[in-house]
C-alpha atoms as a PDB file:
ATOM      1  CA  MET A   1      22.250 -43.707  -5.826  1.00  0.00           C
ATOM      2  CA  MET A   2      22.200 -45.075  -2.384  1.00  0.00           C
ATOM      3  CA  LEU A   3      19.281 -47.223  -1.329  1.00  0.00           C
ATOM      4  CA  GLY A   4      16.961 -45.894  -4.023  1.00  0.00           C
ATOM      5  CA  GLN A   5      17.433 -42.225  -3.146  1.00  0.00           C
ATOM      6  CA  GLU A   6      18.965 -39.495  -5.230  1.00  0.00           C
ATOM      7  CA  PRO A   7      22.325 -38.145  -4.000  1.00  0.00           C
ATOM      8  CA  ARG A   8      21.140 -34.519  -3.985  1.00  0.00           C
ATOM      9  CA  GLN A   9      19.289 -32.781  -1.215  1.00  0.00           C
ATOM     10  CA  THR A  10      15.581 -32.216  -1.720  1.00  0.00           C
ATOM     11  CA  THR A  11      13.293 -29.808   0.075  1.00  0.00           C
ATOM     12  CA  SER A  12       9.588 -29.943   0.663  1.00  0.00           C
ATOM     13  CA  ASN A  13       7.005 -27.240   0.197  1.00  0.00           C
ATOM     14  CA  VAL A  14       4.029 -29.244   1.418  1.00  0.00           C
ATOM     15  CA  GLY A  15       3.387 -26.779   4.245  1.00  0.00           C
ATOM     16  CA  HIS A  16       3.036 -23.932   1.784  1.00  0.00           C
ATOM     17  CA  LEU A  17       0.387 -25.505  -0.435  1.00  0.00           C
ATOM     18  CA  LYS A  18      -3.026 -23.871  -0.294  1.00  0.00           C
ATOM     19  CA  LYS A  19      -6.352 -24.961  -1.649  1.00  0.00           C
ATOM     20  CA  PRO A  20      -7.668 -22.624  -4.336  1.00  0.00           C
ATOM     21  CA  SER A  21     -10.359 -20.208  -3.230  1.00  0.00           C
ATOM     22  CA  ILE A  22     -13.748 -19.969  -4.921  1.00  0.00           C
ATOM     23  CA  GLN A  23     -12.557 -16.930  -6.851  1.00  0.00           C
ATOM     24  CA  ALA A  24      -9.494 -18.865  -8.032  1.00  0.00           C
ATOM     25  CA  LEU A  25     -11.714 -21.747  -9.152  1.00  0.00           C
ATOM     26  CA  ILE A  26     -13.895 -19.338 -11.113  1.00  0.00           C
ATOM     27  CA  HIS A  27     -10.803 -18.047 -12.919  1.00  0.00           C
ATOM     28  CA  GLY A  28      -9.703 -21.566 -13.798  1.00  0.00           C
ATOM     29  CA  LEU A  29      -7.016 -22.223 -11.179  1.00  0.00           C
ATOM     30  CA  ASN A  30      -7.994 -25.801 -10.366  1.00  0.00           C
ATOM     31  CA  ARG A  31      -4.675 -26.880  -8.896  1.00  0.00           C
ATOM     32  CA  HIS A  32      -2.800 -26.118  -5.748  1.00  0.00           C
ATOM     33  CA  TYR A  33      -0.611 -23.079  -5.862  1.00  0.00           C
ATOM     34  CA  TYR A  34       2.227 -21.884  -3.692  1.00  0.00           C
ATOM     35  CA  SER A  35       1.967 -19.040  -1.236  1.00  0.00           C
ATOM     36  CA  MET A  36       5.371 -18.439   0.245  1.00  0.00           C
ATOM     37  CA  VAL A  37       6.045 -15.543   2.561  1.00  0.00           C
ATOM     38  CA  ILE A  38       8.873 -13.310   1.417  1.00  0.00           C
ATOM     39  CA  ASP A  39      10.231 -10.946   4.044  1.00  0.00           C
ATOM     40  CA  TYR A  40      12.771  -8.198   3.642  1.00  0.00           C
ATOM     41  CA  ARG A  41      14.696  -6.785   6.557  1.00  0.00           C
ATOM     42  CA  LYS A  42      16.087  -3.297   6.245  1.00  0.00           C
ATOM     43  CA  ASN A  43      18.131  -1.345   8.721  1.00  0.00           C
ATOM     44  CA  GLU A  44      17.456   2.328   9.503  1.00  0.00           C
ATOM     45  CA  LEU A  45      20.053   3.611   7.065  1.00  0.00           C
ATOM     46  CA  GLU A  46      18.518   1.652   4.175  1.00  0.00           C
ATOM     47  CA  GLU A  47      15.023   2.890   5.083  1.00  0.00           C
ATOM     48  CA  GLN A  48      16.253   6.488   5.148  1.00  0.00           C
ATOM     49  CA  MET A  49      17.964   5.996   1.793  1.00  0.00           C
ATOM     50  CA  LEU A  50      14.754   4.630   0.241  1.00  0.00           C
ATOM     51  CA  THR A  51      12.638   7.495   1.611  1.00  0.00           C
ATOM     52  CA  ASN A  52      15.042  10.031   0.068  1.00  0.00           C
ATOM     53  CA  LEU A  53      15.137   8.273  -3.302  1.00  0.00           C
ATOM     54  CA  TYR A  54      12.492  10.342  -5.126  1.00  0.00           C
ATOM     55  CA  LYS A  55      12.547  13.374  -2.865  1.00  0.00           C
ATOM     56  CA  LYS A  56      12.591  16.771  -4.566  1.00  0.00           C
ATOM     57  CA  THR A  57      15.707  18.830  -4.076  1.00  0.00           C
ATOM     58  CA  TRP A  58      15.827  22.546  -3.306  1.00  0.00           C
ATOM     59  CA  VAL A  59      16.696  23.272  -6.937  1.00  0.00           C
ATOM     60  CA  ALA A  60      13.307  21.943  -8.121  1.00  0.00           C
ATOM     61  CA  GLY A  61      11.626  25.170  -6.979  1.00  0.00           C
ATOM     62  CA  LEU A  62      13.956  27.303  -9.088  1.00  0.00           C
ATOM     63  CA  ILE A  63      13.193  25.602 -12.401  1.00  0.00           C
ATOM     64  CA  THR A  64      11.025  27.770 -14.660  1.00  0.00           C
ATOM     65  CA  LEU A  65       8.930  26.578 -17.562  1.00  0.00           C
ATOM     66  CA  ASP A  66       9.188  27.792 -21.116  1.00  0.00           C
ATOM     67  CA  PHE A  67       6.990  30.860 -21.629  1.00  0.00           C
ATOM     68  CA  ALA A  68       4.947  29.221 -24.394  1.00  0.00           C
ATOM     69  CA  CYS A  69       4.262  26.128 -22.250  1.00  0.00           C
ATOM     70  CA  HIS A  70       3.392  28.280 -19.246  1.00  0.00           C
ATOM     71  CA  THR A  71       0.938  30.480 -21.153  1.00  0.00           C
ATOM     72  CA  LEU A  72      -0.668  27.436 -22.785  1.00  0.00           C
ATOM     73  CA  ALA A  73      -1.158  25.791 -19.378  1.00  0.00           C
ATOM     74  CA  ASN A  74      -2.623  29.042 -18.008  1.00  0.00           C
ATOM     75  CA  HIS A  75      -5.074  29.305 -20.916  1.00  0.00           C
ATOM     76  CA  GLU A  76      -6.224  25.711 -20.460  1.00  0.00           C
ATOM     77  CA  ILE A  77      -6.765  26.107 -16.717  1.00  0.00           C
ATOM     78  CA  ILE A  78      -8.617  29.413 -17.147  1.00  0.00           C
ATOM     79  CA  ALA A  79     -10.845  27.921 -19.857  1.00  0.00           C
ATOM     80  CA  ASN A  80     -11.708  25.054 -17.489  1.00  0.00           C
ATOM     81  CA  MET A  81     -12.361  27.555 -14.714  1.00  0.00           C
ATOM     82  CA  ALA A  82     -14.758  29.520 -16.968  1.00  0.00           C
ATOM     83  CA  ARG A  83     -16.665  26.334 -17.761  1.00  0.00           C
ATOM     84  CA  HIS A  84     -16.810  25.334 -14.076  1.00  0.00           C
ATOM     85  CA  SER A  85     -17.983  28.826 -13.073  1.00  0.00           C
ATOM     86  CA  GLU A  86     -20.908  28.548 -15.493  1.00  0.00           C
ATOM     87  CA  ASN A  87     -21.764  25.119 -14.059  1.00  0.00           C
ATOM     88  CA  TYR A  88     -21.478  26.491 -10.519  1.00  0.00           C
ATOM     89  CA  ASN A  89     -23.816  29.365 -11.397  1.00  0.00           C
ATOM     90  CA  LEU A  90     -26.370  26.878 -12.761  1.00  0.00           C
ATOM     91  CA  ARG A  91     -26.057  24.717  -9.661  1.00  0.00           C
ATOM     92  CA  VAL A  92     -26.626  27.677  -7.341  1.00  0.00           C
ATOM     93  CA  ARG A  93     -29.765  28.609  -9.298  1.00  0.00           C
ATOM     94  CA  ASP A  94     -31.015  25.001  -9.038  1.00  0.00           C
ATOM     95  CA  GLU A  95     -30.436  24.924  -5.279  1.00  0.00           C
ATOM     96  CA  GLU A  96     -33.032  27.599  -4.590  1.00  0.00           C
ATOM     97  CA  GLY A  97     -36.162  26.163  -2.995  1.00  0.00           C
ATOM     98  CA  ARG A  98     -34.725  22.688  -2.350  1.00  0.00           C
ATOM     99  CA  THR A  99     -34.120  20.978   0.954  1.00  0.00           C
ATOM    100  CA  VAL A 100     -30.722  19.682   2.049  1.00  0.00           C
ATOM    101  CA  GLU A 101     -31.758  16.068   1.418  1.00  0.00           C
ATOM    102  CA  GLU A 102     -32.976  16.857  -2.100  1.00  0.00           C
ATOM    103  CA  LEU A 103     -29.681  18.606  -2.836  1.00  0.00           C
ATOM    104  CA  LEU A 104     -27.675  15.633  -1.611  1.00  0.00           C
ATOM    105  CA  VAL A 105     -29.662  13.235  -3.784  1.00  0.00           C
ATOM    106  CA  ALA A 106     -29.593  15.527  -6.819  1.00  0.00           C
ATOM    107  CA  ASN A 107     -25.804  16.021  -6.745  1.00  0.00           C
ATOM    108  CA  VAL A 108     -24.749  12.402  -6.255  1.00  0.00           C
ATOM    109  CA  GLY A 109     -22.248  11.337  -8.909  1.00  0.00           C
ATOM    110  CA  LYS A 110     -21.958  14.802 -10.452  1.00  0.00           C
ATOM    111  CA  VAL A 111     -18.831  16.902 -10.774  1.00  0.00           C
ATOM    112  CA  ASP A 112     -18.509  19.506  -8.021  1.00  0.00           C
ATOM    113  CA  PRO A 113     -17.746  22.751  -9.885  1.00  0.00           C
ATOM    114  CA  LYS A 114     -16.915  24.695  -6.715  1.00  0.00           C
ATOM    115  CA  ARG A 115     -14.156  22.255  -5.767  1.00  0.00           C
ATOM    116  CA  HIS A 116     -12.752  22.338  -9.304  1.00  0.00           C
ATOM    117  CA  LEU A 117     -12.801  26.143  -9.287  1.00  0.00           C
ATOM    118  CA  GLU A 118     -10.857  26.237  -6.026  1.00  0.00           C
ATOM    119  CA  HIS A 119      -8.360  23.718  -7.354  1.00  0.00           C
ATOM    120  CA  GLY A 120      -7.896  25.698 -10.578  1.00  0.00           C
ATOM    121  CA  VAL A 121      -7.330  28.956  -8.688  1.00  0.00           C
ATOM    122  CA  ASP A 122      -4.774  27.315  -6.411  1.00  0.00           C
ATOM    123  CA  GLU A 123      -2.991  25.719  -9.350  1.00  0.00           C
ATOM    124  CA  VAL A 124      -2.815  28.923 -11.424  1.00  0.00           C
ATOM    125  CA  MET A 125      -1.679  31.034  -8.494  1.00  0.00           C
ATOM    126  CA  ALA A 126       1.031  28.579  -7.434  1.00  0.00           C
ATOM    127  CA  ALA A 127       2.343  28.144 -10.975  1.00  0.00           C
ATOM    128  CA  ASN A 128       2.401  31.886 -11.680  1.00  0.00           C
ATOM    129  CA  ILE A 129       4.036  32.778  -8.365  1.00  0.00           C
ATOM    130  CA  MET A 130       6.748  30.165  -8.866  1.00  0.00           C
ATOM    131  CA  GLN A 131       7.312  31.310 -12.445  1.00  0.00           C
ATOM    132  CA  VAL A 132       7.571  34.994 -11.513  1.00  0.00           C
ATOM    133  CA  LEU A 133       9.856  34.359  -8.543  1.00  0.00           C
ATOM    134  CA  GLY A 134      12.078  32.059 -10.595  1.00  0.00           C
ATOM    135  CA  ILE A 135      12.386  34.617 -13.382  1.00  0.00           C
ATOM    136  CA  MET A 136      13.139  37.445 -10.938  1.00  0.00           C
ATOM    137  CA  LEU A 137      15.804  35.346  -9.238  1.00  0.00           C
ATOM    138  CA  LYS A 138      17.370  34.416 -12.561  1.00  0.00           C
ATOM    139  CA  THR A 139      17.509  38.058 -13.688  1.00  0.00           C
ATOM    140  CA  LEU A 140      19.206  39.107 -10.444  1.00  0.00           C
ATOM    141  CA  VAL A 141      21.684  36.239 -10.248  1.00  0.00           C
ATOM    142  CA  PHE A 142      22.554  35.729 -13.886  1.00  0.00           C
END
């Protein structure tokens, strides 16, 4: 120890201290806390590698589901579509004689059956087309 100082090097983080915000005080953080900026630099090759990390390959479109799983998924989606079509029919009947503003107020926060029907149709068609094409390709190739 030379002249009352420790022989090792010390650093200061005084510039990084922040006063706690009101929200932090409410949650019980009554002391100063550190807020240090952490920055990562990546070159173009690293960025390209990270964007391709979870990318689907061309083989992903050729994978077919088990028949039992596929039929079960189809039955579930079609059952949901039947329920949404009944709700859509009721909504169309309720819309008769109402103004546009009344319809907007009446349907706030409710499930939109038309949108769910469209989504179900798209999902069933895409899954069935991919399944049929995958099976046809497998029968021809293998």
